[in-house]
């Protein structure tokens, strides 16, 4: 495992694993954070997450890793894409309650 790379799929996420195979995202080392995490995290559908992981695998390199690293810091500070309880989408009401 590395710091930057697609997040590892859970053992029961067959749909994500299968979708990532289409984009070659399963062929790179997994990481703690990656391109999909800074572009939506829990809000992303499986096919979008797999496509973003594939985009990372395609553009892998120092520049992409730096973008992911600093993007992660900003995403965490803003709590972007975090949905309590897992995959889904935030509503405007959810975002307002977080600000209070």
N, C-alpha and C. Protein backbone atom coordinates (compact mmCIF):
# COMPACT_ATOMS: atom_id res chain seq x y z
N UNK A 1 0.85 -1.17 0.00
CA UNK A 1 0.00 0.00 0.00
C UNK A 1 0.89 1.23 0.00
N UNK A 2 0.45 2.24 -0.74
CA UNK A 2 1.18 3.49 -0.76
C UNK A 2 0.29 4.60 -0.20
N UNK A 3 0.81 5.80 -0.14
CA UNK A 3 0.01 6.92 0.36
C UNK A 3 -1.01 7.33 -0.70
N UNK A 4 -0.59 7.44 -1.95
CA UNK A 4 -1.47 7.85 -3.04
C UNK A 4 -1.75 6.67 -3.96
N UNK A 5 -3.00 6.48 -4.30
CA UNK A 5 -3.43 5.42 -5.20
C UNK A 5 -4.91 5.16 -4.98
N UNK A 6 -5.53 4.39 -5.84
CA UNK A 6 -6.95 4.09 -5.63
C UNK A 6 -7.16 3.41 -4.28
N UNK A 7 -8.21 3.80 -3.56
CA UNK A 7 -8.51 3.15 -2.30
C UNK A 7 -8.81 1.68 -2.54
N UNK A 8 -8.37 0.79 -1.67
CA UNK A 8 -8.66 -0.63 -1.86
C UNK A 8 -10.16 -0.89 -1.75
N UNK A 9 -10.65 -1.76 -2.60
CA UNK A 9 -12.06 -2.15 -2.53
C UNK A 9 -12.25 -3.12 -1.37
N UNK A 10 -13.41 -3.07 -0.76
CA UNK A 10 -13.73 -4.03 0.29
C UNK A 10 -13.94 -5.40 -0.31
N UNK A 11 -13.84 -6.42 0.49
CA UNK A 11 -13.92 -7.79 0.00
C UNK A 11 -15.26 -8.09 -0.69
N UNK A 12 -16.31 -7.37 -0.35
CA UNK A 12 -17.62 -7.64 -0.92
C UNK A 12 -18.04 -6.63 -2.00
N UNK A 13 -17.12 -5.81 -2.46
CA UNK A 13 -17.44 -4.81 -3.48
C UNK A 13 -17.10 -5.34 -4.87
N UNK A 14 -17.76 -6.43 -5.25
CA UNK A 14 -17.49 -7.07 -6.53
C UNK A 14 -17.77 -6.14 -7.70
N UNK A 15 -18.82 -5.32 -7.57
CA UNK A 15 -19.17 -4.40 -8.65
C UNK A 15 -18.07 -3.36 -8.88
N UNK A 16 -17.48 -2.85 -7.81
CA UNK A 16 -16.39 -1.88 -7.93
C UNK A 16 -15.16 -2.54 -8.53
N UNK A 17 -14.82 -3.73 -8.07
CA UNK A 17 -13.66 -4.45 -8.58
C UNK A 17 -13.82 -4.73 -10.07
N UNK A 18 -15.00 -5.18 -10.46
CA UNK A 18 -15.28 -5.47 -11.86
C UNK A 18 -15.21 -4.21 -12.72
N UNK A 19 -15.75 -3.12 -12.22
CA UNK A 19 -15.75 -1.86 -12.97
C UNK A 19 -14.32 -1.31 -13.10
N UNK A 20 -13.53 -1.44 -12.03
CA UNK A 20 -12.14 -0.97 -12.08
C UNK A 20 -11.31 -1.76 -13.09
N UNK A 21 -11.64 -3.03 -13.28
CA UNK A 21 -10.93 -3.84 -14.28
C UNK A 21 -11.06 -3.24 -15.67
N UNK A 22 -12.19 -2.64 -15.97
CA UNK A 22 -12.42 -2.03 -17.29
C UNK A 22 -11.44 -0.88 -17.56
N UNK A 23 -11.02 -0.21 -16.49
CA UNK A 23 -10.17 0.98 -16.61
C UNK A 23 -8.72 0.73 -16.22
N UNK A 24 -8.39 -0.47 -15.81
CA UNK A 24 -7.02 -0.80 -15.42
C UNK A 24 -6.63 -0.30 -14.05
N UNK A 25 -7.61 0.10 -13.25
CA UNK A 25 -7.32 0.65 -11.92
C UNK A 25 -6.90 -0.41 -10.92
N UNK A 26 -7.20 -1.67 -11.19
CA UNK A 26 -6.79 -2.75 -10.28
C UNK A 26 -5.34 -3.15 -10.49
N UNK A 27 -4.70 -2.56 -11.52
CA UNK A 27 -3.32 -2.92 -11.85
C UNK A 27 -2.28 -2.04 -11.17
N UNK A 28 -2.73 -1.04 -10.40
CA UNK A 28 -1.79 -0.15 -9.72
C UNK A 28 -1.89 -0.37 -8.21
N UNK A 29 -0.86 0.04 -7.50
CA UNK A 29 -0.83 -0.12 -6.05
C UNK A 29 -1.90 0.74 -5.40
N UNK A 30 -2.64 0.15 -4.47
CA UNK A 30 -3.69 0.88 -3.76
C UNK A 30 -3.06 1.87 -2.78
N UNK A 31 -3.83 2.86 -2.36
CA UNK A 31 -3.30 3.87 -1.46
C UNK A 31 -4.31 4.33 -0.43
N UNK A 32 -3.87 5.22 0.42
CA UNK A 32 -4.73 5.78 1.45
C UNK A 32 -5.69 6.82 0.88
N UNK A 33 -5.26 7.52 -0.15
CA UNK A 33 -6.10 8.52 -0.81
C UNK A 33 -5.79 8.50 -2.29
N UNK A 34 -6.73 8.96 -3.07
CA UNK A 34 -6.54 8.95 -4.51
C UNK A 34 -7.40 9.96 -5.23
N UNK A 35 -7.38 9.90 -6.56
CA UNK A 35 -8.08 10.85 -7.42
C UNK A 35 -9.59 10.82 -7.17
N UNK A 36 -10.17 9.66 -6.97
CA UNK A 36 -11.61 9.56 -6.72
C UNK A 36 -11.98 10.16 -5.36
N UNK A 37 -11.09 10.06 -4.39
CA UNK A 37 -11.40 10.58 -3.06
C UNK A 37 -11.46 12.10 -3.05
N UNK A 38 -10.66 12.76 -3.86
CA UNK A 38 -10.70 14.22 -3.85
C UNK A 38 -11.71 14.76 -4.86
N UNK A 39 -12.36 13.87 -5.59
CA UNK A 39 -13.37 14.28 -6.56
C UNK A 39 -14.75 13.76 -6.22
N UNK A 40 -15.03 13.56 -4.94
CA UNK A 40 -16.38 13.19 -4.56
C UNK A 40 -16.53 12.19 -3.42
N UNK A 41 -15.53 11.42 -3.14
CA UNK A 41 -15.57 10.42 -2.06
C UNK A 41 -16.86 9.62 -2.04
N UNK A 42 -17.63 9.70 -0.96
CA UNK A 42 -18.84 8.90 -0.77
C UNK A 42 -19.97 9.28 -1.73
N UNK A 43 -19.91 10.45 -2.30
CA UNK A 43 -20.98 10.90 -3.19
C UNK A 43 -20.93 10.24 -4.57
N UNK A 44 -19.83 9.60 -4.90
CA UNK A 44 -19.65 9.04 -6.23
C UNK A 44 -20.34 7.69 -6.41
N UNK A 45 -20.93 7.52 -7.58
CA UNK A 45 -21.47 6.21 -7.96
C UNK A 45 -20.28 5.30 -8.31
N UNK A 46 -20.51 4.00 -8.28
CA UNK A 46 -19.45 3.02 -8.53
C UNK A 46 -18.77 3.24 -9.88
N UNK A 47 -19.54 3.46 -10.93
CA UNK A 47 -18.94 3.62 -12.26
C UNK A 47 -18.09 4.88 -12.36
N UNK A 48 -18.50 5.94 -11.70
CA UNK A 48 -17.73 7.19 -11.72
C UNK A 48 -16.44 7.02 -10.91
N UNK A 49 -16.55 6.38 -9.76
CA UNK A 49 -15.37 6.14 -8.91
C UNK A 49 -14.35 5.29 -9.66
N UNK A 50 -14.82 4.25 -10.35
CA UNK A 50 -13.92 3.37 -11.10
C UNK A 50 -13.27 4.13 -12.25
N UNK A 51 -14.03 5.00 -12.92
CA UNK A 51 -13.48 5.78 -14.03
C UNK A 51 -12.39 6.73 -13.53
N UNK A 52 -12.62 7.37 -12.38
CA UNK A 52 -11.62 8.26 -11.80
C UNK A 52 -10.38 7.49 -11.36
N UNK A 53 -10.57 6.31 -10.79
CA UNK A 53 -9.43 5.47 -10.41
C UNK A 53 -8.64 5.06 -11.65
N UNK A 54 -9.36 4.79 -12.74
CA UNK A 54 -8.70 4.46 -14.00
C UNK A 54 -7.95 5.64 -14.57
N UNK A 55 -8.50 6.84 -14.41
CA UNK A 55 -7.82 8.06 -14.86
C UNK A 55 -6.52 8.25 -14.09
N UNK A 56 -6.56 7.97 -12.79
CA UNK A 56 -5.34 8.04 -11.99
C UNK A 56 -4.31 7.04 -12.51
N UNK A 57 -4.75 5.81 -12.76
CA UNK A 57 -3.84 4.76 -13.24
C UNK A 57 -3.22 5.16 -14.58
N UNK A 58 -3.98 5.85 -15.40
CA UNK A 58 -3.50 6.29 -16.71
C UNK A 58 -2.46 7.41 -16.59
N UNK A 59 -2.67 8.31 -15.64
CA UNK A 59 -1.83 9.51 -15.49
C UNK A 59 -0.87 9.41 -14.32
N UNK A 60 -0.66 8.21 -13.80
CA UNK A 60 0.15 8.02 -12.60
C UNK A 60 1.53 8.65 -12.78
N UNK A 61 1.97 9.35 -11.74
CA UNK A 61 3.27 10.00 -11.77
C UNK A 61 3.36 11.01 -10.64
N UNK A 62 4.48 11.67 -10.55
CA UNK A 62 4.72 12.62 -9.46
C UNK A 62 3.71 13.75 -9.45
N UNK A 63 3.42 14.34 -10.60
CA UNK A 63 2.48 15.47 -10.65
C UNK A 63 1.09 15.04 -10.18
N UNK A 64 0.62 13.90 -10.63
CA UNK A 64 -0.70 13.41 -10.21
C UNK A 64 -0.71 13.11 -8.72
N UNK A 65 0.36 12.53 -8.20
CA UNK A 65 0.44 12.24 -6.77
C UNK A 65 0.44 13.52 -5.94
N UNK A 66 1.13 14.54 -6.40
CA UNK A 66 1.15 15.83 -5.69
C UNK A 66 -0.25 16.44 -5.69
N UNK A 67 -0.93 16.39 -6.83
CA UNK A 67 -2.30 16.92 -6.91
C UNK A 67 -3.22 16.18 -5.95
N UNK A 68 -3.09 14.87 -5.89
CA UNK A 68 -3.92 14.08 -4.98
C UNK A 68 -3.59 14.39 -3.53
N UNK A 69 -2.33 14.51 -3.21
CA UNK A 69 -1.91 14.77 -1.84
C UNK A 69 -2.48 16.09 -1.33
N UNK A 70 -2.25 17.17 -2.07
CA UNK A 70 -2.74 18.48 -1.62
C UNK A 70 -4.26 18.59 -1.75
N UNK A 71 -4.82 17.92 -2.76
CA UNK A 71 -6.28 17.89 -2.89
C UNK A 71 -6.93 17.19 -1.71
N UNK A 72 -6.28 16.17 -1.19
CA UNK A 72 -6.80 15.46 -0.03
C UNK A 72 -6.83 16.37 1.19
N UNK A 73 -5.78 17.12 1.39
CA UNK A 73 -5.72 18.04 2.54
C UNK A 73 -6.89 19.02 2.47
N UNK A 74 -7.10 19.62 1.31
CA UNK A 74 -8.19 20.59 1.17
C UNK A 74 -9.56 19.92 1.30
N UNK A 75 -9.73 18.73 0.75
CA UNK A 75 -11.00 18.01 0.84
C UNK A 75 -11.34 17.66 2.28
N UNK A 76 -10.35 17.22 3.03
CA UNK A 76 -10.56 16.86 4.43
C UNK A 76 -10.93 18.09 5.25
N UNK A 77 -10.23 19.18 5.03
CA UNK A 77 -10.52 20.40 5.78
C UNK A 77 -11.93 20.93 5.49
N UNK A 78 -12.40 20.73 4.25
CA UNK A 78 -13.74 21.21 3.88
C UNK A 78 -14.81 20.14 4.06
N UNK A 79 -14.43 18.91 4.42
CA UNK A 79 -15.35 17.76 4.53
C UNK A 79 -16.11 17.52 3.24
N UNK A 80 -15.47 17.74 2.12
CA UNK A 80 -16.10 17.53 0.82
C UNK A 80 -16.38 16.06 0.57
N UNK A 81 -17.58 15.76 0.10
CA UNK A 81 -17.92 14.41 -0.33
C UNK A 81 -18.17 13.42 0.77
N UNK A 82 -18.24 13.85 2.01
CA UNK A 82 -18.46 12.92 3.11
C UNK A 82 -19.96 12.79 3.35
N UNK A 83 -20.44 11.55 3.30
CA UNK A 83 -21.83 11.25 3.57
C UNK A 83 -21.86 10.25 4.70
N UNK A 84 -22.53 10.59 5.79
CA UNK A 84 -22.61 9.71 6.95
C UNK A 84 -23.28 8.41 6.54
N UNK A 85 -22.64 7.29 6.81
CA UNK A 85 -23.22 5.99 6.52
C UNK A 85 -22.83 5.41 5.18
N UNK A 86 -21.96 6.08 4.41
CA UNK A 86 -21.48 5.48 3.17
C UNK A 86 -21.93 6.18 1.92
N UNK A 87 -21.93 5.46 0.79
CA UNK A 87 -22.24 6.05 -0.50
C UNK A 87 -23.62 6.67 -0.54
N UNK A 88 -23.72 7.79 -1.20
CA UNK A 88 -24.98 8.51 -1.33
C UNK A 88 -24.69 9.91 -1.79
N UNK A 89 -25.66 10.78 -1.65
CA UNK A 89 -25.45 12.17 -2.02
C UNK A 89 -25.93 13.07 -0.89
N UNK A 90 -25.23 14.15 -0.70
CA UNK A 90 -25.62 15.14 0.29
C UNK A 90 -26.73 16.00 -0.28
N UNK A 91 -27.67 16.33 0.55
CA UNK A 91 -28.68 17.28 0.14
C UNK A 91 -28.30 18.64 0.69
N UNK A 92 -28.96 19.69 0.21
CA UNK A 92 -28.67 21.02 0.71
C UNK A 92 -28.92 21.10 2.20
N UNK A 93 -29.98 20.44 2.69
CA UNK A 93 -30.28 20.43 4.12
C UNK A 93 -29.15 19.78 4.92
N UNK A 94 -28.57 18.70 4.37
CA UNK A 94 -27.47 18.04 5.06
C UNK A 94 -26.28 18.99 5.19
N UNK A 95 -25.99 19.73 4.13
CA UNK A 95 -24.85 20.64 4.14
C UNK A 95 -25.09 21.79 5.11
N UNK A 96 -26.33 22.26 5.20
CA UNK A 96 -26.66 23.35 6.11
C UNK A 96 -26.51 22.90 7.57
N UNK A 97 -26.94 21.67 7.88
CA UNK A 97 -26.85 21.18 9.26
C UNK A 97 -25.41 20.98 9.69
N UNK A 98 -24.52 20.68 8.75
CA UNK A 98 -23.10 20.52 9.07
C UNK A 98 -22.49 21.87 9.43
N UNK A 99 -22.93 22.93 8.77
CA UNK A 99 -22.37 24.27 9.01
C UNK A 99 -22.77 24.81 10.38
N UNK A 100 -23.88 24.36 10.94
CA UNK A 100 -24.37 24.90 12.22
C UNK A 100 -23.69 24.32 13.37
